[in-house]
Structure formats: C-alpha cells, structure tokens
C-alpha atoms as a PDB file:
ATOM      1  CA  UNK A   1       0.002   0.016   0.003  1.00  0.00           C
ATOM      2  CA  UNK A   2       1.330   3.433  -0.943  1.00  0.00           C
ATOM      3  CA  UNK A   3       2.493   5.643   1.950  1.00  0.00           C
ATOM      4  CA  UNK A   4      -0.116   8.433   2.164  1.00  0.00           C
ATOM      5  CA  UNK A   5       2.513  11.066   2.817  1.00  0.00           C
ATOM      6  CA  UNK A   6       4.941  10.247  -0.059  1.00  0.00           C
ATOM      7  CA  UNK A   7       2.975  12.262  -2.600  1.00  0.00           C
ATOM      8  CA  UNK A   8       1.721  15.746  -1.846  1.00  0.00           C
ATOM      9  CA  UNK A   9      -2.093  15.852  -2.447  1.00  0.00           C
ATOM     10  CA  UNK A  10      -4.116  18.420  -4.343  1.00  0.00           C
ATOM     11  CA  UNK A  11      -4.156  21.653  -2.284  1.00  0.00           C
ATOM     12  CA  UNK A  12      -7.758  22.351  -3.376  1.00  0.00           C
ATOM     13  CA  UNK A  13      -9.059  19.356  -1.386  1.00  0.00           C
ATOM     14  CA  UNK A  14      -7.107  19.865   1.878  1.00  0.00           C
ATOM     15  CA  UNK A  15     -10.134  21.024   3.885  1.00  0.00           C
ATOM     16  CA  UNK A  16     -12.411  18.517   2.149  1.00  0.00           C
ATOM     17  CA  UNK A  17     -10.106  15.679   3.198  1.00  0.00           C
ATOM     18  CA  UNK A  18     -10.025  16.927   6.723  1.00  0.00           C
ATOM     19  CA  UNK A  19     -13.781  16.853   6.971  1.00  0.00           C
ATOM     20  CA  UNK A  20     -13.897  13.368   5.438  1.00  0.00           C
ATOM     21  CA  UNK A  21     -11.261  12.104   7.801  1.00  0.00           C
ATOM     22  CA  UNK A  22     -12.858  13.396  11.051  1.00  0.00           C
ATOM     23  CA  UNK A  23     -14.700  10.192  11.978  1.00  0.00           C
ATOM     24  CA  UNK A  24     -11.565   8.009  11.667  1.00  0.00           C
ATOM     25  CA  UNK A  25      -9.180  10.375  13.544  1.00  0.00           C
ATOM     26  CA  UNK A  26      -7.978   9.870  17.078  1.00  0.00           C
ATOM     27  CA  UNK A  27      -9.396  12.412  19.556  1.00  0.00           C
ATOM     28  CA  UNK A  28      -6.180  14.423  19.674  1.00  0.00           C
ATOM     29  CA  UNK A  29      -5.971  14.453  15.863  1.00  0.00           C
ATOM     30  CA  UNK A  30      -9.629  15.403  15.576  1.00  0.00           C
ATOM     31  CA  UNK A  31      -9.056  18.443  17.754  1.00  0.00           C
ATOM     32  CA  UNK A  32      -6.275  19.583  15.357  1.00  0.00           C
ATOM     33  CA  UNK A  33      -8.526  19.033  12.317  1.00  0.00           C
ATOM     34  CA  UNK A  34     -11.450  20.855  13.906  1.00  0.00           C
ATOM     35  CA  UNK A  35      -9.260  23.836  14.911  1.00  0.00           C
ATOM     36  CA  UNK A  36      -8.076  24.249  11.362  1.00  0.00           C
ATOM     37  CA  UNK A  37     -11.544  23.765   9.861  1.00  0.00           C
ATOM     38  CA  UNK A  38     -12.999  26.307  12.289  1.00  0.00           C
ATOM     39  CA  UNK A  39     -10.513  28.913  11.195  1.00  0.00           C
ATOM     40  CA  UNK A  40      -8.305  27.978   8.259  1.00  0.00           C
ATOM     41  CA  UNK A  41      -6.756  31.396   7.627  1.00  0.00           C
ATOM     42  CA  UNK A  42      -5.793  31.910  11.258  1.00  0.00           C
ATOM     43  CA  UNK A  43      -4.583  28.326  11.689  1.00  0.00           C
ATOM     44  CA  UNK A  44      -2.251  28.619   8.677  1.00  0.00           C
ATOM     45  CA  UNK A  45      -0.350  31.359  10.587  1.00  0.00           C
ATOM     46  CA  UNK A  46       0.446  29.170  13.509  1.00  0.00           C
ATOM     47  CA  UNK A  47       3.632  27.246  14.141  1.00  0.00           C
ATOM     48  CA  UNK A  48       3.295  23.549  14.883  1.00  0.00           C
ATOM     49  CA  UNK A  49       3.900  24.211  18.580  1.00  0.00           C
ATOM     50  CA  UNK A  50       1.307  26.984  18.708  1.00  0.00           C
ATOM     51  CA  UNK A  51      -1.297  24.850  16.954  1.00  0.00           C
ATOM     52  CA  UNK A  52      -0.621  21.948  19.319  1.00  0.00           C
ATOM     53  CA  UNK A  53      -0.962  24.263  22.286  1.00  0.00           C
ATOM     54  CA  UNK A  54      -4.263  25.713  20.993  1.00  0.00           C
ATOM     55  CA  UNK A  55      -5.633  22.172  20.590  1.00  0.00           C
ATOM     56  CA  UNK A  56      -4.400  20.940  23.975  1.00  0.00           C
ATOM     57  CA  UNK A  57      -2.227  18.302  22.406  1.00  0.00           C
ATOM     58  CA  UNK A  58       1.422  17.653  21.453  1.00  0.00           C
ATOM     59  CA  UNK A  59       3.421  18.518  18.283  1.00  0.00           C
ATOM     60  CA  UNK A  60       3.741  14.741  17.752  1.00  0.00           C
ATOM     61  CA  UNK A  61      -0.094  14.543  17.376  1.00  0.00           C
ATOM     62  CA  UNK A  62       0.018  17.396  14.798  1.00  0.00           C
ATOM     63  CA  UNK A  63       2.685  15.461  12.830  1.00  0.00           C
ATOM     64  CA  UNK A  64       0.590  12.317  13.023  1.00  0.00           C
ATOM     65  CA  UNK A  65      -2.451  14.216  11.810  1.00  0.00           C
ATOM     66  CA  UNK A  66      -0.474  15.685   8.909  1.00  0.00           C
ATOM     67  CA  UNK A  67       0.444  12.190   7.736  1.00  0.00           C
ATOM     68  CA  UNK A  68      -3.058  10.892   8.140  1.00  0.00           C
ATOM     69  CA  UNK A  69      -4.284  13.351   5.552  1.00  0.00           C
ATOM     70  CA  UNK A  70      -1.347  12.922   3.177  1.00  0.00           C
ATOM     71  CA  UNK A  71       1.347  15.437   4.210  1.00  0.00           C
ATOM     72  CA  UNK A  72       4.962  14.520   5.097  1.00  0.00           C
ATOM     73  CA  UNK A  73       5.718  18.016   6.471  1.00  0.00           C
ATOM     74  CA  UNK A  74       3.646  20.520   8.540  1.00  0.00           C
ATOM     75  CA  UNK A  75       4.888  23.423   6.429  1.00  0.00           C
ATOM     76  CA  UNK A  76       3.240  21.890   3.316  1.00  0.00           C
ATOM     77  CA  UNK A  77      -0.065  21.601   5.195  1.00  0.00           C
ATOM     78  CA  UNK A  78       0.138  25.239   6.318  1.00  0.00           C
ATOM     79  CA  UNK A  79       0.826  26.413   2.742  1.00  0.00           C
ATOM     80  CA  UNK A  80      -2.107  24.415   1.344  1.00  0.00           C
ATOM     81  CA  UNK A  81      -4.482  25.520   4.058  1.00  0.00           C
ATOM     82  CA  UNK A  82      -3.560  29.196   3.461  1.00  0.00           C
ATOM     83  CA  UNK A  83      -4.064  28.787  -0.268  1.00  0.00           C
ATOM     84  CA  UNK A  84      -7.393  27.077   0.145  1.00  0.00           C
ATOM     85  CA  UNK A  85      -8.632  29.624   2.685  1.00  0.00           C
ATOM     86  CA  UNK A  86      -7.767  32.426   0.220  1.00  0.00           C
ATOM     87  CA  UNK A  87      -9.358  30.577  -2.709  1.00  0.00           C
ATOM     88  CA  UNK A  88     -12.560  29.970  -0.782  1.00  0.00           C
ATOM     89  CA  UNK A  89     -12.778  33.593   0.319  1.00  0.00           C
ATOM     90  CA  UNK A  90     -12.470  34.795  -3.304  1.00  0.00           C
ATOM     91  CA  UNK A  91     -14.670  32.128  -4.810  1.00  0.00           C
ATOM     92  CA  UNK A  92     -17.453  32.587  -2.284  1.00  0.00           C
ATOM     93  CA  UNK A  93     -17.302  36.387  -2.036  1.00  0.00           C
ATOM     94  CA  UNK A  94     -20.824  36.698  -3.454  1.00  0.00           C
ATOM     95  CA  UNK A  95     -22.364  34.241  -1.017  1.00  0.00           C
ATOM     96  CA  UNK A  96     -24.032  35.353   2.248  1.00  0.00           C
ATOM     97  CA  UNK A  97     -21.560  36.279   4.951  1.00  0.00           C
ATOM     98  CA  UNK A  98     -22.986  33.907   7.594  1.00  0.00           C
ATOM     99  CA  UNK A  99     -21.731  31.036   9.689  1.00  0.00           C
ATOM    100  CA  UNK A 100     -22.696  27.563   8.555  1.00  0.00           C
ATOM    101  CA  UNK A 101     -24.444  26.390  11.718  1.00  0.00           C
ATOM    102  CA  UNK A 102     -28.116  27.064  12.294  1.00  0.00           C
ATOM    103  CA  UNK A 103     -28.656  28.629  15.720  1.00  0.00           C
ATOM    104  CA  UNK A 104     -31.632  28.692  18.041  1.00  0.00           C
ATOM    105  CA  UNK A 105     -32.372  32.413  17.524  1.00  0.00           C
ATOM    106  CA  UNK A 106     -31.829  32.641  13.755  1.00  0.00           C
ATOM    107  CA  UNK A 107     -34.405  34.492  11.707  1.00  0.00           C
ATOM    108  CA  UNK A 108     -35.989  32.884   8.679  1.00  0.00           C
ATOM    109  CA  UNK A 109     -33.833  35.127   6.486  1.00  0.00           C
ATOM    110  CA  UNK A 110     -30.696  33.833   8.289  1.00  0.00           C
ATOM    111  CA  UNK A 111     -31.895  30.226   7.913  1.00  0.00           C
ATOM    112  CA  UNK A 112     -32.401  30.697   4.195  1.00  0.00           C
ATOM    113  CA  UNK A 113     -28.937  32.225   3.833  1.00  0.00           C
ATOM    114  CA  UNK A 114     -27.248  29.443   5.882  1.00  0.00           C
ATOM    115  CA  UNK A 115     -28.989  26.653   4.072  1.00  0.00           C
ATOM    116  CA  UNK A 116     -28.100  28.167   0.688  1.00  0.00           C
ATOM    117  CA  UNK A 117     -24.480  28.602   1.805  1.00  0.00           C
ATOM    118  CA  UNK A 118     -24.237  25.074   3.109  1.00  0.00           C
ATOM    119  CA  UNK A 119     -25.633  23.481   0.014  1.00  0.00           C
ATOM    120  CA  UNK A 120     -23.635  25.702  -2.378  1.00  0.00           C
ATOM    121  CA  UNK A 121     -20.393  24.854  -0.651  1.00  0.00           C
ATOM    122  CA  UNK A 122     -21.240  21.156  -0.541  1.00  0.00           C
ATOM    123  CA  UNK A 123     -21.632  21.152  -4.303  1.00  0.00           C
ATOM    124  CA  UNK A 124     -18.465  23.177  -4.863  1.00  0.00           C
ATOM    125  CA  UNK A 125     -16.392  20.981  -2.600  1.00  0.00           C
ATOM    126  CA  UNK A 126     -17.791  17.804  -4.141  1.00  0.00           C
ATOM    127  CA  UNK A 127     -16.889  19.072  -7.575  1.00  0.00           C
ATOM    128  CA  UNK A 128     -13.261  19.448  -6.471  1.00  0.00           C
ATOM    129  CA  UNK A 129     -13.086  16.167  -4.527  1.00  0.00           C
ATOM    130  CA  UNK A 130     -14.829  13.860  -7.005  1.00  0.00           C
ATOM    131  CA  UNK A 131     -12.323  11.434  -8.511  1.00  0.00           C
ATOM    132  CA  UNK A 132     -12.814  11.634 -12.288  1.00  0.00           C
ATOM    133  CA  UNK A 133     -11.109   8.310 -12.882  1.00  0.00           C
ATOM    134  CA  UNK A 134     -13.421   6.587 -10.405  1.00  0.00           C
ATOM    135  CA  UNK A 135     -16.414   8.315 -11.989  1.00  0.00           C
ATOM    136  CA  UNK A 136     -15.412   7.180 -15.459  1.00  0.00           C
ATOM    137  CA  UNK A 137     -15.049   3.613 -14.192  1.00  0.00           C
ATOM    138  CA  UNK A 138     -18.488   3.783 -12.622  1.00  0.00           C
ATOM    139  CA  UNK A 139     -19.947   5.156 -15.859  1.00  0.00           C
ATOM    140  CA  UNK A 140     -18.498   2.260 -17.846  1.00  0.00           C
ATOM    141  CA  UNK A 141     -19.795  -0.310 -15.335  1.00  0.00           C
ATOM    142  CA  UNK A 142     -23.333   1.078 -15.283  1.00  0.00           C
ATOM    143  CA  UNK A 143     -23.420   1.640 -19.053  1.00  0.00           C
ATOM    144  CA  UNK A 144     -22.468  -2.019 -19.678  1.00  0.00           C
ATOM    145  CA  UNK A 145     -24.684  -3.541 -16.962  1.00  0.00           C
ATOM    146  CA  UNK A 146     -27.613  -5.842 -17.644  1.00  0.00           C
ATOM    147  CA  UNK A 147     -29.231  -4.574 -14.467  1.00  0.00           C
ATOM    148  CA  UNK A 148     -28.486  -1.892 -11.829  1.00  0.00           C
ATOM    149  CA  UNK A 149     -29.684  -2.252  -8.258  1.00  0.00           C
ATOM    150  CA  UNK A 150     -29.580   0.665  -5.871  1.00  0.00           C
ATOM    151  CA  UNK A 151     -29.974   0.873  -2.119  1.00  0.00           C
ATOM    152  CA  UNK A 152     -29.799   3.518   0.617  1.00  0.00           C
ATOM    153  CA  UNK A 153     -31.285   4.051   4.026  1.00  0.00           C
ATOM    154  CA  UNK A 154     -33.184   7.177   5.144  1.00  0.00           C
ATOM    155  CA  UNK A 155     -32.470  10.244   3.055  1.00  0.00           C
ATOM    156  CA  UNK A 156     -29.980   8.263   0.955  1.00  0.00           C
ATOM    157  CA  UNK A 157     -32.840   6.030  -0.199  1.00  0.00           C
ATOM    158  CA  UNK A 158     -34.430   9.015  -1.962  1.00  0.00           C
ATOM    159  CA  UNK A 159     -31.168   9.670  -3.798  1.00  0.00           C
ATOM    160  CA  UNK A 160     -31.034   6.001  -4.877  1.00  0.00           C
ATOM    161  CA  UNK A 161     -34.664   6.340  -6.052  1.00  0.00           C
ATOM    162  CA  UNK A 162     -33.742   9.368  -8.070  1.00  0.00           C
ATOM    163  CA  UNK A 163     -30.940   7.486  -9.819  1.00  0.00           C
ATOM    164  CA  UNK A 164     -33.314   4.649 -10.640  1.00  0.00           C
ATOM    165  CA  UNK A 165     -35.824   6.971 -12.220  1.00  0.00           C
ATOM    166  CA  UNK A 166     -33.163   8.634 -14.332  1.00  0.00           C
ATOM    167  CA  UNK A 167     -31.722   5.360 -15.593  1.00  0.00           C
ATOM    168  CA  UNK A 168     -35.172   3.957 -16.387  1.00  0.00           C
ATOM    169  CA  UNK A 169     -35.932   7.027 -18.467  1.00  0.00           C
ATOM    170  CA  UNK A 170     -33.062   6.215 -20.824  1.00  0.00           C
ATOM    171  CA  UNK A 171     -34.094   2.586 -21.182  1.00  0.00           C
ATOM    172  CA  UNK A 172     -31.829   1.025 -18.591  1.00  0.00           C
ATOM    173  CA  UNK A 173     -33.034  -1.801 -16.267  1.00  0.00           C
ATOM    174  CA  UNK A 174     -32.683  -0.290 -12.843  1.00  0.00           C
ATOM    175  CA  UNK A 175     -34.242  -1.220  -9.472  1.00  0.00           C
ATOM    176  CA  UNK A 176     -34.299   0.557  -6.146  1.00  0.00           C
ATOM    177  CA  UNK A 177     -34.761  -1.254  -2.898  1.00  0.00           C
ATOM    178  CA  UNK A 178     -36.268   0.468   0.145  1.00  0.00           C
ATOM    179  CA  UNK A 179     -36.538  -2.561   2.473  1.00  0.00           C
ATOM    180  CA  UNK A 180     -33.133  -3.873   3.805  1.00  0.00           C
ATOM    181  CA  UNK A 181     -34.209  -7.522   3.635  1.00  0.00           C
ATOM    182  CA  UNK A 182     -35.493  -7.134   0.061  1.00  0.00           C
ATOM    183  CA  UNK A 183     -32.234  -5.393  -0.852  1.00  0.00           C
ATOM    184  CA  UNK A 184     -30.108  -8.273   0.554  1.00  0.00           C
ATOM    185  CA  UNK A 185     -32.237 -10.875  -1.195  1.00  0.00           C
ATOM    186  CA  UNK A 186     -31.959  -9.008  -4.481  1.00  0.00           C
ATOM    187  CA  UNK A 187     -28.156  -8.560  -4.015  1.00  0.00           C
ATOM    188  CA  UNK A 188     -27.769 -12.352  -3.648  1.00  0.00           C
ATOM    189  CA  UNK A 189     -29.335 -12.884  -7.099  1.00  0.00           C
ATOM    190  CA  UNK A 190     -26.964 -10.563  -8.960  1.00  0.00           C
ATOM    191  CA  UNK A 191     -24.127 -11.787 -11.143  1.00  0.00           C
ATOM    192  CA  UNK A 192     -21.183 -10.425 -13.086  1.00  0.00           C
ATOM    193  CA  UNK A 193     -23.447  -8.683 -15.592  1.00  0.00           C
ATOM    194  CA  UNK A 194     -25.000  -6.487 -12.850  1.00  0.00           C
ATOM    195  CA  UNK A 195     -23.951  -3.466 -10.832  1.00  0.00           C
ATOM    196  CA  UNK A 196     -24.994  -2.657  -7.246  1.00  0.00           C
ATOM    197  CA  UNK A 197     -24.914   1.014  -6.184  1.00  0.00           C
ATOM    198  CA  UNK A 198     -25.055   1.841  -2.469  1.00  0.00           C
ATOM    199  CA  UNK A 199     -25.432   5.338  -0.983  1.00  0.00           C
ATOM    200  CA  UNK A 200     -24.500   6.346   2.562  1.00  0.00           C
ATOM    201  CA  UNK A 201     -23.143   9.652   3.800  1.00  0.00           C
ATOM    202  CA  UNK A 202     -21.306   8.070   6.762  1.00  0.00           C
ATOM    203  CA  UNK A 203     -20.405   4.844   5.002  1.00  0.00           C
ATOM    204  CA  UNK A 204     -21.131   2.969   8.206  1.00  0.00           C
ATOM    205  CA  UNK A 205     -24.795   2.077   7.807  1.00  0.00           C
ATOM    206  CA  UNK A 206     -24.878  -1.685   8.458  1.00  0.00           C
ATOM    207  CA  UNK A 207     -27.619  -2.580   5.990  1.00  0.00           C
ATOM    208  CA  UNK A 208     -25.955  -0.626   3.227  1.00  0.00           C
ATOM    209  CA  UNK A 209     -22.559  -2.263   3.816  1.00  0.00           C
ATOM    210  CA  UNK A 210     -24.234  -5.675   3.888  1.00  0.00           C
ATOM    211  CA  UNK A 211     -26.007  -4.992   0.615  1.00  0.00           C
ATOM    212  CA  UNK A 212     -22.697  -4.248  -1.128  1.00  0.00           C
ATOM    213  CA  UNK A 213     -20.893  -7.184   0.491  1.00  0.00           C
ATOM    214  CA  UNK A 214     -23.573  -9.664  -0.617  1.00  0.00           C
ATOM    215  CA  UNK A 215     -23.697  -8.211  -4.142  1.00  0.00           C
ATOM    216  CA  UNK A 216     -19.940  -8.405  -4.488  1.00  0.00           C
ATOM    217  CA  UNK A 217     -19.881 -11.984  -3.227  1.00  0.00           C
ATOM    218  CA  UNK A 218     -22.517 -12.799  -5.848  1.00  0.00           C
ATOM    219  CA  UNK A 219     -20.218 -11.483  -8.599  1.00  0.00           C
ATOM    220  CA  UNK A 220     -21.686  -8.074  -9.251  1.00  0.00           C
ATOM    221  CA  UNK A 221     -19.617  -4.903  -9.626  1.00  0.00           C
ATOM    222  CA  UNK A 222     -20.203  -2.462  -6.789  1.00  0.00           C
ATOM    223  CA  UNK A 223     -20.257   1.304  -6.505  1.00  0.00           C
ATOM    224  CA  UNK A 224     -20.416   3.331  -3.314  1.00  0.00           C
ATOM    225  CA  UNK A 225     -21.378   6.961  -2.974  1.00  0.00           C
ATOM    226  CA  UNK A 226     -20.195   8.236   0.420  1.00  0.00           C
ATOM    227  CA  UNK A 227     -18.655  11.163   2.185  1.00  0.00           C
ATOM    228  CA  UNK A 228     -16.019   8.927   3.781  1.00  0.00           C
ATOM    229  CA  UNK A 229     -13.954   6.821   1.398  1.00  0.00           C
ATOM    230  CA  UNK A 230     -12.157   4.992   4.209  1.00  0.00           C
ATOM    231  CA  UNK A 231     -15.410   3.912   5.769  1.00  0.00           C
ATOM    232  CA  UNK A 232     -16.602   0.266   5.903  1.00  0.00           C
ATOM    233  CA  UNK A 233     -18.685   0.909   2.769  1.00  0.00           C
ATOM    234  CA  UNK A 234     -15.710   2.373   0.952  1.00  0.00           C
ATOM    235  CA  UNK A 235     -13.563  -0.629   1.924  1.00  0.00           C
ATOM    236  CA  UNK A 236     -15.960  -3.210   0.366  1.00  0.00           C
ATOM    237  CA  UNK A 237     -16.974  -1.364  -2.858  1.00  0.00           C
ATOM    238  CA  UNK A 238     -15.116  -1.780  -6.161  1.00  0.00           C
ATOM    239  CA  UNK A 239     -15.567   1.875  -6.993  1.00  0.00           C
ATOM    240  CA  UNK A 240     -15.957   4.772  -4.501  1.00  0.00           C
ATOM    241  CA  UNK A 241     -17.441   8.120  -5.523  1.00  0.00           C
ATOM    242  CA  UNK A 242     -16.776  10.545  -2.678  1.00  0.00           C
ATOM    243  CA  UNK A 243     -18.933  13.468  -1.814  1.00  0.00           C
ATOM    244  CA  UNK A 244     -17.713  16.474   0.242  1.00  0.00           C
ATOM    245  CA  UNK A 245     -20.822  17.606   2.095  1.00  0.00           C
ATOM    246  CA  UNK A 246     -20.596  20.279   4.743  1.00  0.00           C
ATOM    247  CA  UNK A 247     -23.000  19.299   7.523  1.00  0.00           C
ATOM    248  CA  UNK A 248     -24.278  21.475  10.358  1.00  0.00           C
ATOM    249  CA  UNK A 249     -25.789  20.656  13.735  1.00  0.00           C
ATOM    250  CA  UNK A 250     -28.809  19.591  11.723  1.00  0.00           C
ATOM    251  CA  UNK A 251     -26.888  16.643  10.300  1.00  0.00           C
ATOM    252  CA  UNK A 252     -29.857  14.321  10.925  1.00  0.00           C
ATOM    253  CA  UNK A 253     -31.743  16.517   8.451  1.00  0.00           C
ATOM    254  CA  UNK A 254     -29.271  15.456   5.739  1.00  0.00           C
ATOM    255  CA  UNK A 255     -29.020  18.928   4.320  1.00  0.00           C
ATOM    256  CA  UNK A 256     -25.623  19.202   2.559  1.00  0.00           C
ATOM    257  CA  UNK A 257     -25.167  15.400   2.243  1.00  0.00           C
ATOM    258  CA  UNK A 258     -28.323  14.892   0.116  1.00  0.00           C
ATOM    259  CA  UNK A 259     -27.430  17.719  -2.248  1.00  0.00           C
ATOM    260  CA  UNK A 260     -23.861  16.430  -2.695  1.00  0.00           C
ATOM    261  CA  UNK A 261     -25.121  12.870  -3.314  1.00  0.00           C
ATOM    262  CA  UNK A 262     -27.619  14.151  -5.930  1.00  0.00           C
ATOM    263  CA  UNK A 263     -24.840  16.006  -7.705  1.00  0.00           C
ATOM    264  CA  UNK A 264     -22.802  12.763  -7.960  1.00  0.00           C
ATOM    265  CA  UNK A 265     -25.820  10.838  -9.169  1.00  0.00           C
ATOM    266  CA  UNK A 266     -26.446  13.485 -11.817  1.00  0.00           C
ATOM    267  CA  UNK A 267     -22.823  13.219 -13.001  1.00  0.00           C
ATOM    268  CA  UNK A 268     -23.060   9.460 -13.101  1.00  0.00           C
ATOM    269  CA  UNK A 269     -26.388   9.462 -14.982  1.00  0.00           C
ATOM    270  CA  UNK A 270     -25.222  12.071 -17.501  1.00  0.00           C
ATOM    271  CA  UNK A 271     -22.038  10.102 -18.197  1.00  0.00           C
ATOM    272  CA  UNK A 272     -24.047   6.936 -18.736  1.00  0.00           C
ATOM    273  CA  UNK A 273     -26.520   8.719 -21.022  1.00  0.00           C
ATOM    274  CA  UNK A 274     -23.706  10.156 -23.100  1.00  0.00           C
ATOM    275  CA  UNK A 275     -22.312   6.679 -23.851  1.00  0.00           C
ATOM    276  CA  UNK A 276     -25.353   6.114 -26.043  1.00  0.00           C
ATOM    277  CA  UNK A 277     -26.257   9.731 -26.751  1.00  0.00           C
ATOM    278  CA  UNK A 278     -28.755   9.332 -29.597  1.00  0.00           C
ATOM    279  CA  UNK A 279     -30.605   6.423 -28.012  1.00  0.00           C
ATOM    280  CA  UNK A 280     -30.690   8.265 -24.615  1.00  0.00           C
ATOM    281  CA  UNK A 281     -32.065  11.462 -26.150  1.00  0.00           C
ATOM    282  CA  UNK A 282     -34.740   9.502 -27.991  1.00  0.00           C
ATOM    283  CA  UNK A 283     -35.713   7.710 -24.806  1.00  0.00           C
ATOM    284  CA  UNK A 284     -35.937  10.945 -22.876  1.00  0.00           C
ATOM    285  CA  UNK A 285     -38.191  12.453 -25.517  1.00  0.00           C
ATOM    286  CA  UNK A 286     -40.379   9.346 -25.557  1.00  0.00           C
ATOM    287  CA  UNK A 287     -40.685   9.114 -21.788  1.00  0.00           C
ATOM    288  CA  UNK A 288     -41.475  12.838 -21.572  1.00  0.00           C
ATOM    289  CA  UNK A 289     -44.232  12.480 -24.134  1.00  0.00           C
ATOM    290  CA  UNK A 290     -45.655   9.445 -22.312  1.00  0.00           C
ATOM    291  CA  UNK A 291     -46.506  11.482 -19.222  1.00  0.00           C
ATOM    292  CA  UNK A 292     -47.613  14.786 -20.861  1.00  0.00           C
ATOM    293  CA  UNK A 293     -50.868  15.521 -22.530  1.00  0.00           C
ATOM    294  CA  UNK A 294     -50.605  16.832 -26.031  1.00  0.00           C
ATOM    295  CA  UNK A 295     -52.225  20.167 -26.793  1.00  0.00           C
ATOM    296  CA  UNK A 296     -54.683  20.611 -29.626  1.00  0.00           C
ATOM    297  CA  UNK A 297     -51.957  22.213 -31.744  1.00  0.00           C
ATOM    298  CA  UNK A 298     -49.700  19.200 -31.297  1.00  0.00           C
ATOM    299  CA  UNK A 299     -52.226  16.603 -32.385  1.00  0.00           C
END
C-alpha cells in the first residue's frame, strides 16, 4: 500500500479531506482538524507548537495528523490551508456572509442564507473532490450492466430512487430497494453482468454495507457513494465516488449530504446517457411524451 505522505495531495481538497477524515481520527488528531476547519486562515499562521498548544495536544499529534491526511511536512499543510482559505474567500465572495451552523435564535432570512451557503459549498467541494477516474469507471460499469440495483437508508434512499428513475428514463433496467431484507435478497441474485450501487453519507450504515458485501460476493460490480472513502462501505466497494458535504448541527436533516449525493448521481447518470447519446435522447423524448398531454396544436 502506498504511503499516504509520499505524494503531496491536491491543495484544493485539503479542507475537504480533513472533513472526510474526522470520523476516523484519534481524539487528539480530531481536535487539530477541527481547529483548522473552524478557522483555516488563522490556523495557517500558527507554528506547529502553537497549533498543538491551541488544541491541547502535542506536536507529535500534529505530525501524526499531517500524515493521516497525506502530508509529510507540517509546512506543506500550512501552505495548502492558506491557499485554500484564500481561494474559498475569493470564490465565495458573493455568498451570504454567515456562519454555517443554524442557531436557536436565527431568523428565517438567516436560515435561508445558511442553508443556501451550506448546499452551495457542498456542491463546490464535491466538484473538487470527485475522482474523475473513479467516476469514469462507474460510468463504464453502469453503461455496460444488464441490471443496476440501488440501495440507501433514510435520506440516501431517496437519492437512490432518483438514480433509478433517471436510468429507467433512458431505457436502462434499474431497481431501487427500500426494504433492507429485500435489498439483501436481491443482491444475492446478482451476477457479473450486474452493478450494485449503495449510497450512505457516513459509509457505516450496516444494512448498506451488507448490501454491497452480498452483491460483491454474488459477482456483481459495486459502486459506493459516500462522504467517507475510508469507511466500511468504501472498503468493500469496487468503485468509490466521494462527496464532500458540509454538515451542520442539523446533520440528521441530511441537508448538505443529500445535495452532494444528488450531484454525484447526476454526473453518473449524465455520463451513462452520453455513452449512447442518440438512443438516450430519443428515450428521454419518448418518456417525456408518455406522461404529458398533447395540446390541440400538437395533435
């Protein structure tokens, strides 16, 4: 396995990778990550010792954190954090100047601004973090599949349903399973001509991981859409498409995660449709016509 710190990662994804890594970090490392995420520009000015002191930890923990997210040297992390903080400030200058968290006393105007900011940033971060090579592989697998089965729990199930509807509209055989037992049963019937797609923000939902595991054992190719590539779901899937949602205290409301997942689904669907462009466009016209009344002028 390649040493994560031997190759300097893309500076544009440094904050995205920190957010994605949070669940898997040790408590001391998590405090370092959270301090940087809470104030990237200020943190980039701190020496290693000062950052460690601010986080109530040791310089050794800061070094260990750097390596966990792909940096061999703290100075490289500082440079990339500073660059990304400046880039975000310029790129998002037109967005509302509000904090991301929704507070008890917020007005409706503030809620609207914060939700819009959260979802806009989730899409922007996902665009930067999405692995194009992995996406291309997923497109090839789905485009060549005899059947595509999708599964998600809670809000992720609606994203899976959206993908199914889109694929059916271009003539693909696609199924979406809402019941975990039905999903596992279906997964066991798949073979090497099929693709199973599982969606989970955390990547730790037991039913979702089991669905992919069973599908893979049956011979199907598997695709995971998750915010955490190193999660149990990411470990068992053949292809991982990573979102970069920015969640707030209302995480259970699946605000940013759902929007980021839908963006990835749209990219996947569009890529699949493009592989048979003429046939897909004809199918879209036919399915549109099937559910819309014709006016007198059109008859």
